Amino acid sequence: MLKINMLLAILFFLSGCATESDILNGVDGQPIPSAFANFPDIPFPEKSYLELGDTKAFGTGENWMGSLAFSAPYNASRIFDFYVSEMPKNRWTEVAIVRARISQMTYFRNNRAVQILIESLNDNNSRITITAVPNQTTNQGVQNNEF
């Protein structure tokens, strides 16, 4: 019995050491969504941090325009691979991709184009800027390189 009590005490102590970020709730008790929730057509890496001072976006949902600036705790190569993988899953069509010191990616979807710029801040952090603009080019024109 002493072993069981000791084991329970250790488990109780260790569970108190676990950390979990607090969820911010509104006055109605409901969780307040992340700022990224306003842009559901764009994938964001986990643990990304929106830089509000450098972000200028108008609208929400799938009709927003402007620039989103954020940082992520991953190197630029991993962020580049993330967007190559995830943008097509969100129905974006690749137009051009350049992997460089500041990588550039351009995608098209419906009546909008987005440009993604990825810059390494250090070995484990990147800065990403995503700019969305109106575009009248059709998906067929992009697929046939008629843009």
N, C-alpha and C. Protein backbone atom coordinates (compact mmCIF):
# COMPACT_ATOMS: atom_id res chain seq x y z
N MET A 1 0.82 -1.19 0.00
CA MET A 1 0.00 0.00 0.00
C MET A 1 0.87 1.26 0.00
N LEU A 2 1.98 1.20 0.72
CA LEU A 2 2.89 2.33 0.78
C LEU A 2 3.46 2.64 -0.61
N LYS A 3 3.75 1.58 -1.39
CA LYS A 3 4.28 1.79 -2.74
C LYS A 3 3.26 2.48 -3.62
N ILE A 4 2.00 2.09 -3.50
CA ILE A 4 0.94 2.69 -4.32
C ILE A 4 0.77 4.16 -3.94
N ASN A 5 0.76 4.45 -2.63
CA ASN A 5 0.62 5.84 -2.19
C ASN A 5 1.80 6.68 -2.66
N MET A 6 2.99 6.11 -2.57
CA MET A 6 4.19 6.82 -3.01
C MET A 6 4.12 7.09 -4.52
N LEU A 7 3.69 6.09 -5.29
CA LEU A 7 3.56 6.23 -6.74
C LEU A 7 2.52 7.30 -7.08
N LEU A 8 1.39 7.30 -6.39
CA LEU A 8 0.36 8.31 -6.63
C LEU A 8 0.87 9.71 -6.28
N ALA A 9 1.63 9.82 -5.21
CA ALA A 9 2.18 11.12 -4.82
C ALA A 9 3.14 11.63 -5.88
N ILE A 10 3.98 10.74 -6.41
CA ILE A 10 4.93 11.14 -7.45
C ILE A 10 4.19 11.56 -8.72
N LEU A 11 3.18 10.79 -9.12
CA LEU A 11 2.40 11.14 -10.31
C LEU A 11 1.69 12.47 -10.13
N PHE A 12 1.13 12.70 -8.94
CA PHE A 12 0.46 13.96 -8.66
C PHE A 12 1.44 15.12 -8.75
N PHE A 13 2.63 14.95 -8.19
CA PHE A 13 3.65 15.98 -8.22
C PHE A 13 4.08 16.27 -9.66
N LEU A 14 4.33 15.22 -10.45
CA LEU A 14 4.77 15.41 -11.83
C LEU A 14 3.69 16.05 -12.69
N SER A 15 2.44 15.72 -12.45
CA SER A 15 1.37 16.32 -13.25
C SER A 15 1.26 17.81 -12.97
N GLY A 16 1.64 18.23 -11.77
CA GLY A 16 1.65 19.65 -11.45
C GLY A 16 2.75 20.40 -12.18
N CYS A 17 3.77 19.70 -12.63
CA CYS A 17 4.88 20.33 -13.36
C CYS A 17 4.57 20.51 -14.84
N ALA A 18 3.56 19.82 -15.34
CA ALA A 18 3.22 19.92 -16.75
C ALA A 18 2.72 21.32 -17.05
N THR A 19 3.10 21.84 -18.21
CA THR A 19 2.65 23.18 -18.59
C THR A 19 1.78 23.09 -19.82
N GLU A 20 0.78 23.92 -19.83
CA GLU A 20 -0.11 24.03 -20.98
C GLU A 20 -0.49 25.49 -21.09
N SER A 21 -0.43 26.03 -22.30
CA SER A 21 -0.74 27.44 -22.43
C SER A 21 -2.21 27.67 -22.10
N ASP A 22 -2.45 28.78 -21.41
CA ASP A 22 -3.81 29.13 -21.05
C ASP A 22 -4.58 29.54 -22.29
N ILE A 23 -5.85 29.16 -22.33
CA ILE A 23 -6.72 29.56 -23.42
C ILE A 23 -7.43 30.83 -22.98
N LEU A 24 -7.39 31.84 -23.82
CA LEU A 24 -8.04 33.10 -23.51
C LEU A 24 -9.51 32.98 -23.85
N ASN A 25 -10.37 33.29 -22.89
CA ASN A 25 -11.81 33.21 -23.09
C ASN A 25 -12.41 34.60 -23.13
N GLY A 26 -13.48 34.75 -23.89
CA GLY A 26 -14.20 36.00 -23.95
C GLY A 26 -15.13 36.15 -22.76
N VAL A 27 -15.88 37.25 -22.71
CA VAL A 27 -16.78 37.49 -21.59
C VAL A 27 -17.90 36.46 -21.54
N ASP A 28 -18.20 35.84 -22.68
CA ASP A 28 -19.23 34.81 -22.70
C ASP A 28 -18.69 33.43 -22.33
N GLY A 29 -17.39 33.36 -22.01
CA GLY A 29 -16.79 32.09 -21.62
C GLY A 29 -16.29 31.25 -22.78
N GLN A 30 -16.54 31.68 -24.01
CA GLN A 30 -16.11 30.94 -25.19
C GLN A 30 -14.66 31.28 -25.52
N PRO A 31 -13.88 30.29 -26.00
CA PRO A 31 -12.49 30.58 -26.36
C PRO A 31 -12.42 31.59 -27.50
N ILE A 32 -11.48 32.51 -27.40
CA ILE A 32 -11.26 33.49 -28.46
C ILE A 32 -10.36 32.85 -29.51
N PRO A 33 -10.79 32.84 -30.79
CA PRO A 33 -9.98 32.18 -31.82
C PRO A 33 -8.67 32.91 -32.08
N SER A 34 -7.72 32.18 -32.58
CA SER A 34 -6.43 32.73 -32.96
C SER A 34 -6.62 33.76 -34.07
N ALA A 35 -5.71 34.72 -34.15
CA ALA A 35 -5.77 35.72 -35.22
C ALA A 35 -5.70 35.05 -36.59
N PHE A 36 -5.04 33.90 -36.67
CA PHE A 36 -4.92 33.18 -37.94
C PHE A 36 -6.26 32.63 -38.42
N ALA A 37 -7.24 32.51 -37.52
CA ALA A 37 -8.55 31.97 -37.90
C ALA A 37 -9.26 32.86 -38.91
N ASN A 38 -8.86 34.13 -39.02
CA ASN A 38 -9.47 35.04 -39.99
C ASN A 38 -9.06 34.75 -41.43
N PHE A 39 -8.09 33.85 -41.60
CA PHE A 39 -7.54 33.56 -42.93
C PHE A 39 -7.57 32.05 -43.18
N PRO A 40 -8.76 31.46 -43.31
CA PRO A 40 -8.88 29.99 -43.36
C PRO A 40 -8.34 29.35 -44.62
N ASP A 41 -8.10 30.12 -45.67
CA ASP A 41 -7.62 29.54 -46.92
C ASP A 41 -6.09 29.45 -46.98
N ILE A 42 -5.42 29.91 -45.94
CA ILE A 42 -3.96 29.88 -45.89
C ILE A 42 -3.52 28.97 -44.74
N PRO A 43 -2.63 28.01 -45.00
CA PRO A 43 -2.11 27.19 -43.91
C PRO A 43 -1.01 27.93 -43.15
N PHE A 44 -0.97 27.75 -41.84
CA PHE A 44 0.06 28.36 -41.01
C PHE A 44 0.74 27.27 -40.20
N PRO A 45 2.08 27.28 -40.14
CA PRO A 45 2.79 26.29 -39.32
C PRO A 45 2.40 26.45 -37.85
N GLU A 46 2.41 25.34 -37.12
CA GLU A 46 2.13 25.39 -35.69
C GLU A 46 3.11 26.33 -35.00
N LYS A 47 2.67 26.95 -33.95
CA LYS A 47 3.48 27.84 -33.11
C LYS A 47 3.90 29.12 -33.83
N SER A 48 3.22 29.47 -34.92
CA SER A 48 3.51 30.72 -35.61
C SER A 48 3.02 31.89 -34.76
N TYR A 49 3.67 33.04 -34.94
CA TYR A 49 3.33 34.22 -34.17
C TYR A 49 3.10 35.38 -35.13
N LEU A 50 1.86 35.88 -35.18
CA LEU A 50 1.51 36.97 -36.07
C LEU A 50 2.14 38.28 -35.58
N GLU A 51 2.83 38.97 -36.46
CA GLU A 51 3.46 40.25 -36.14
C GLU A 51 2.50 41.36 -36.55
N LEU A 52 1.68 41.78 -35.60
CA LEU A 52 0.61 42.72 -35.90
C LEU A 52 1.12 44.06 -36.44
N GLY A 53 2.28 44.51 -36.00
CA GLY A 53 2.81 45.78 -36.48
C GLY A 53 3.14 45.79 -37.96
N ASP A 54 3.43 44.63 -38.51
CA ASP A 54 3.79 44.52 -39.93
C ASP A 54 2.68 43.87 -40.76
N THR A 55 1.54 43.59 -40.16
CA THR A 55 0.42 42.96 -40.86
C THR A 55 -0.62 44.01 -41.21
N LYS A 56 -1.02 44.01 -42.48
CA LYS A 56 -2.06 44.92 -42.95
C LYS A 56 -2.98 44.13 -43.86
N ALA A 57 -4.11 43.72 -43.31
CA ALA A 57 -5.05 42.90 -44.08
C ALA A 57 -6.45 43.46 -43.94
N PHE A 58 -7.21 43.36 -45.02
CA PHE A 58 -8.58 43.83 -45.04
C PHE A 58 -9.47 42.67 -45.43
N GLY A 59 -10.59 42.51 -44.74
CA GLY A 59 -11.51 41.43 -45.02
C GLY A 59 -11.14 40.19 -44.23
N THR A 60 -12.01 39.20 -44.31
CA THR A 60 -11.78 37.94 -43.62
C THR A 60 -12.23 36.80 -44.53
N GLY A 61 -12.12 35.61 -44.01
CA GLY A 61 -12.54 34.45 -44.77
C GLY A 61 -11.66 34.26 -45.99
N GLU A 62 -12.27 33.90 -47.09
CA GLU A 62 -11.51 33.64 -48.31
C GLU A 62 -11.45 34.85 -49.23
N ASN A 63 -11.78 36.03 -48.71
CA ASN A 63 -11.77 37.24 -49.53
C ASN A 63 -10.84 38.31 -48.98
N TRP A 64 -9.97 37.98 -48.07
CA TRP A 64 -9.07 38.98 -47.50
C TRP A 64 -8.00 39.38 -48.50
N MET A 65 -7.51 40.60 -48.37
CA MET A 65 -6.42 41.13 -49.19
C MET A 65 -5.43 41.82 -48.26
N GLY A 66 -4.19 41.90 -48.67
CA GLY A 66 -3.19 42.58 -47.88
C GLY A 66 -2.00 41.69 -47.58
N SER A 67 -1.25 42.05 -46.54
CA SER A 67 -0.05 41.30 -46.17
C SER A 67 -0.12 40.83 -44.73
N LEU A 68 0.26 39.57 -44.54
CA LEU A 68 0.37 38.98 -43.21
C LEU A 68 1.85 38.74 -42.95
N ALA A 69 2.35 39.24 -41.85
CA ALA A 69 3.75 39.00 -41.46
C ALA A 69 3.74 38.19 -40.18
N PHE A 70 4.50 37.11 -40.17
CA PHE A 70 4.56 36.29 -38.97
C PHE A 70 5.89 35.56 -38.90
N SER A 71 6.20 35.07 -37.73
CA SER A 71 7.41 34.29 -37.54
C SER A 71 7.03 32.90 -37.07
N ALA A 72 7.92 31.96 -37.31
CA ALA A 72 7.68 30.57 -36.92
C ALA A 72 8.98 29.96 -36.41
N PRO A 73 8.88 29.07 -35.43
CA PRO A 73 10.09 28.48 -34.84
C PRO A 73 10.63 27.29 -35.63
N TYR A 74 10.82 27.49 -36.93
CA TYR A 74 11.35 26.45 -37.82
C TYR A 74 12.32 27.12 -38.79
N ASN A 75 13.28 26.36 -39.30
CA ASN A 75 14.20 26.96 -40.27
C ASN A 75 13.48 27.20 -41.60
N ALA A 76 14.06 28.05 -42.43
CA ALA A 76 13.43 28.46 -43.68
C ALA A 76 13.17 27.29 -44.62
N SER A 77 14.05 26.30 -44.61
CA SER A 77 13.87 25.13 -45.47
C SER A 77 12.61 24.35 -45.09
N ARG A 78 12.38 24.18 -43.79
CA ARG A 78 11.17 23.47 -43.34
C ARG A 78 9.91 24.26 -43.67
N ILE A 79 9.96 25.58 -43.54
CA ILE A 79 8.81 26.41 -43.89
C ILE A 79 8.53 26.32 -45.38
N PHE A 80 9.57 26.37 -46.19
CA PHE A 80 9.42 26.23 -47.64
C PHE A 80 8.73 24.91 -47.97
N ASP A 81 9.22 23.81 -47.41
CA ASP A 81 8.63 22.49 -47.66
C ASP A 81 7.19 22.42 -47.17
N PHE A 82 6.90 23.09 -46.05
CA PHE A 82 5.54 23.13 -45.52
C PHE A 82 4.59 23.73 -46.55
N TYR A 83 4.95 24.88 -47.13
CA TYR A 83 4.06 25.52 -48.08
C TYR A 83 3.97 24.77 -49.41
N VAL A 84 5.05 24.17 -49.86
CA VAL A 84 4.99 23.34 -51.08
C VAL A 84 3.98 22.21 -50.87
N SER A 85 3.96 21.65 -49.68
CA SER A 85 3.05 20.54 -49.37
C SER A 85 1.61 21.01 -49.11
N GLU A 86 1.45 22.09 -48.35
CA GLU A 86 0.13 22.46 -47.85
C GLU A 86 -0.70 23.37 -48.76
N MET A 87 -0.09 24.21 -49.56
CA MET A 87 -0.88 25.11 -50.41
C MET A 87 -1.78 24.35 -51.38
N PRO A 88 -1.30 23.31 -52.07
CA PRO A 88 -2.20 22.56 -52.96
C PRO A 88 -3.37 21.91 -52.21
N LYS A 89 -3.17 21.54 -50.96
CA LYS A 89 -4.25 20.95 -50.16
C LYS A 89 -5.36 21.96 -49.90
N ASN A 90 -5.03 23.26 -49.99
CA ASN A 90 -6.01 24.33 -49.83
C ASN A 90 -6.47 24.86 -51.19
N ARG A 91 -6.26 24.06 -52.24
CA ARG A 91 -6.72 24.35 -53.60
C ARG A 91 -6.01 25.55 -54.24
N TRP A 92 -4.77 25.83 -53.85
CA TRP A 92 -3.97 26.86 -54.50
C TRP A 92 -3.16 26.21 -55.61
N THR A 93 -3.08 26.88 -56.76
CA THR A 93 -2.31 26.40 -57.91
C THR A 93 -0.96 27.11 -57.93
N GLU A 94 0.10 26.33 -58.01
CA GLU A 94 1.45 26.88 -58.04
C GLU A 94 1.69 27.62 -59.35
N VAL A 95 2.24 28.83 -59.27
CA VAL A 95 2.62 29.60 -60.45
C VAL A 95 4.14 29.63 -60.59
N ALA A 96 4.83 29.96 -59.51
CA ALA A 96 6.30 30.04 -59.55
C ALA A 96 6.85 29.83 -58.14
N ILE A 97 8.00 29.16 -58.08
CA ILE A 97 8.66 28.92 -56.80
C ILE A 97 10.16 29.13 -57.00
N VAL A 98 10.77 29.91 -56.10
CA VAL A 98 12.21 30.14 -56.12
C VAL A 98 12.73 29.92 -54.71
N ARG A 99 13.62 28.92 -54.55
CA ARG A 99 14.24 28.69 -53.25
C ARG A 99 15.57 29.44 -53.25
N ALA A 100 15.70 30.39 -52.33
CA ALA A 100 16.90 31.23 -52.26
C ALA A 100 17.07 31.73 -50.83
N ARG A 101 17.97 32.70 -50.65
CA ARG A 101 18.17 33.27 -49.31
C ARG A 101 16.84 33.80 -48.79
N ILE A 102 16.10 34.51 -49.63
CA ILE A 102 14.71 34.86 -49.35
C ILE A 102 13.89 34.13 -50.41
N SER A 103 13.27 33.03 -50.02
CA SER A 103 12.51 32.21 -50.97
C SER A 103 11.21 32.92 -51.32
N GLN A 104 10.78 32.73 -52.59
CA GLN A 104 9.55 33.33 -53.07
C GLN A 104 8.67 32.26 -53.69
N MET A 105 7.40 32.33 -53.37
CA MET A 105 6.43 31.37 -53.92
C MET A 105 5.20 32.17 -54.35
N THR A 106 4.64 31.83 -55.50
CA THR A 106 3.43 32.49 -55.97
C THR A 106 2.40 31.42 -56.28
N TYR A 107 1.18 31.64 -55.79
CA TYR A 107 0.08 30.71 -56.00
C TYR A 107 -1.15 31.49 -56.45
N PHE A 108 -2.06 30.79 -57.12
CA PHE A 108 -3.28 31.38 -57.65
C PHE A 108 -4.46 30.54 -57.21
N ARG A 109 -5.57 31.20 -56.88
CA ARG A 109 -6.81 30.49 -56.55
C ARG A 109 -7.98 31.44 -56.76
N ASN A 110 -8.97 30.98 -57.50
CA ASN A 110 -10.14 31.78 -57.82
C ASN A 110 -9.68 33.13 -58.38
N ASN A 111 -10.06 34.23 -57.77
CA ASN A 111 -9.69 35.55 -58.28
C ASN A 111 -8.63 36.23 -57.44
N ARG A 112 -7.75 35.42 -56.84
CA ARG A 112 -6.69 35.98 -56.01
C ARG A 112 -5.37 35.29 -56.29
N ALA A 113 -4.30 36.04 -56.08
CA ALA A 113 -2.95 35.48 -56.13
C ALA A 113 -2.30 35.78 -54.79
N VAL A 114 -1.45 34.86 -54.34
CA VAL A 114 -0.69 35.12 -53.12
C VAL A 114 0.79 34.93 -53.41
N GLN A 115 1.58 35.79 -52.79
CA GLN A 115 3.02 35.63 -52.83
C GLN A 115 3.48 35.36 -51.41
N ILE A 116 4.32 34.34 -51.26
CA ILE A 116 4.86 33.97 -49.96
C ILE A 116 6.37 34.23 -50.00
N LEU A 117 6.85 35.03 -49.06
CA LEU A 117 8.28 35.28 -48.91
C LEU A 117 8.73 34.63 -47.61
N ILE A 118 9.82 33.87 -47.67
CA ILE A 118 10.34 33.15 -46.50
C ILE A 118 11.79 33.56 -46.30
N GLU A 119 12.08 34.09 -45.13
CA GLU A 119 13.43 34.55 -44.81
C GLU A 119 13.89 33.91 -43.51
N SER A 120 15.11 33.40 -43.51
CA SER A 120 15.67 32.81 -42.30
C SER A 120 16.09 33.90 -41.33
N LEU A 121 15.65 33.79 -40.07
CA LEU A 121 16.11 34.71 -39.03
C LEU A 121 17.34 34.16 -38.33
N ASN A 122 17.36 32.84 -38.16
CA ASN A 122 18.52 32.12 -37.61
C ASN A 122 18.29 30.64 -37.91
N ASP A 123 19.06 29.75 -37.31
CA ASP A 123 18.95 28.33 -37.63
C ASP A 123 17.58 27.73 -37.33
N ASN A 124 16.84 28.31 -36.41
CA ASN A 124 15.58 27.70 -36.00
C ASN A 124 14.38 28.64 -36.06
N ASN A 125 14.49 29.77 -36.73
CA ASN A 125 13.38 30.71 -36.80
C ASN A 125 13.33 31.34 -38.18
N SER A 126 12.10 31.57 -38.65
CA SER A 126 11.90 32.18 -39.96
C SER A 126 10.86 33.28 -39.87
N ARG A 127 10.96 34.20 -40.81
CA ARG A 127 9.95 35.25 -40.96
C ARG A 127 9.26 34.98 -42.29
N ILE A 128 7.95 35.00 -42.26
CA ILE A 128 7.15 34.72 -43.44
C ILE A 128 6.23 35.91 -43.70
N THR A 129 6.14 36.33 -44.95
CA THR A 129 5.19 37.37 -45.34
C THR A 129 4.34 36.80 -46.47
N ILE A 130 3.04 36.83 -46.28
CA ILE A 130 2.11 36.35 -47.30
C ILE A 130 1.28 37.54 -47.74
N THR A 131 1.32 37.84 -49.04
CA THR A 131 0.58 38.97 -49.59
C THR A 131 -0.46 38.43 -50.56
N ALA A 132 -1.71 38.82 -50.35
CA ALA A 132 -2.82 38.41 -51.22
C ALA A 132 -3.32 39.63 -51.99
N VAL A 133 -3.49 39.45 -53.31
CA VAL A 133 -3.96 40.53 -54.17
C VAL A 133 -5.03 39.99 -55.11
N PRO A 134 -5.91 40.86 -55.61
CA PRO A 134 -6.88 40.41 -56.61
C PRO A 134 -6.16 40.03 -57.89
N ASN A 135 -6.71 39.07 -58.62
CA ASN A 135 -6.10 38.63 -59.87
C ASN A 135 -7.21 38.15 -60.79
N GLN A 136 -7.24 38.65 -62.00
CA GLN A 136 -8.28 38.27 -62.95
C GLN A 136 -7.85 37.13 -63.87
N THR A 137 -6.62 36.61 -63.72
CA THR A 137 -6.17 35.49 -64.52
C THR A 137 -6.98 34.26 -64.16
N THR A 138 -7.35 33.47 -65.14
CA THR A 138 -8.12 32.26 -64.86
C THR A 138 -7.20 31.12 -64.49
N ASN A 139 -7.74 30.12 -63.81
CA ASN A 139 -6.95 28.93 -63.49
C ASN A 139 -6.44 28.27 -64.76
N GLN A 140 -7.25 28.24 -65.81
CA GLN A 140 -6.83 27.62 -67.06
C GLN A 140 -5.64 28.38 -67.65
N GLY A 141 -5.67 29.73 -67.55
CA GLY A 141 -4.56 30.53 -68.05
C GLY A 141 -3.28 30.25 -67.30
N VAL A 142 -3.37 30.04 -66.01
CA VAL A 142 -2.18 29.72 -65.21
C VAL A 142 -1.64 28.36 -65.62
N GLN A 143 -2.51 27.39 -65.81
CA GLN A 143 -2.07 26.05 -66.17
C GLN A 143 -1.42 26.03 -67.55
N ASN A 144 -1.84 26.94 -68.43
CA ASN A 144 -1.27 27.01 -69.78
C ASN A 144 -0.18 28.08 -69.89
N ASN A 145 0.26 28.61 -68.76
CA ASN A 145 1.28 29.67 -68.71
C ASN A 145 0.87 30.90 -69.51
N GLU A 146 -0.42 31.24 -69.46
CA GLU A 146 -0.92 32.42 -70.17
C GLU A 146 -1.19 33.54 -69.18
N PHE A 147 -0.21 33.97 -68.46
CA PHE A 147 -0.43 35.03 -67.48
C PHE A 147 0.52 36.16 -67.66
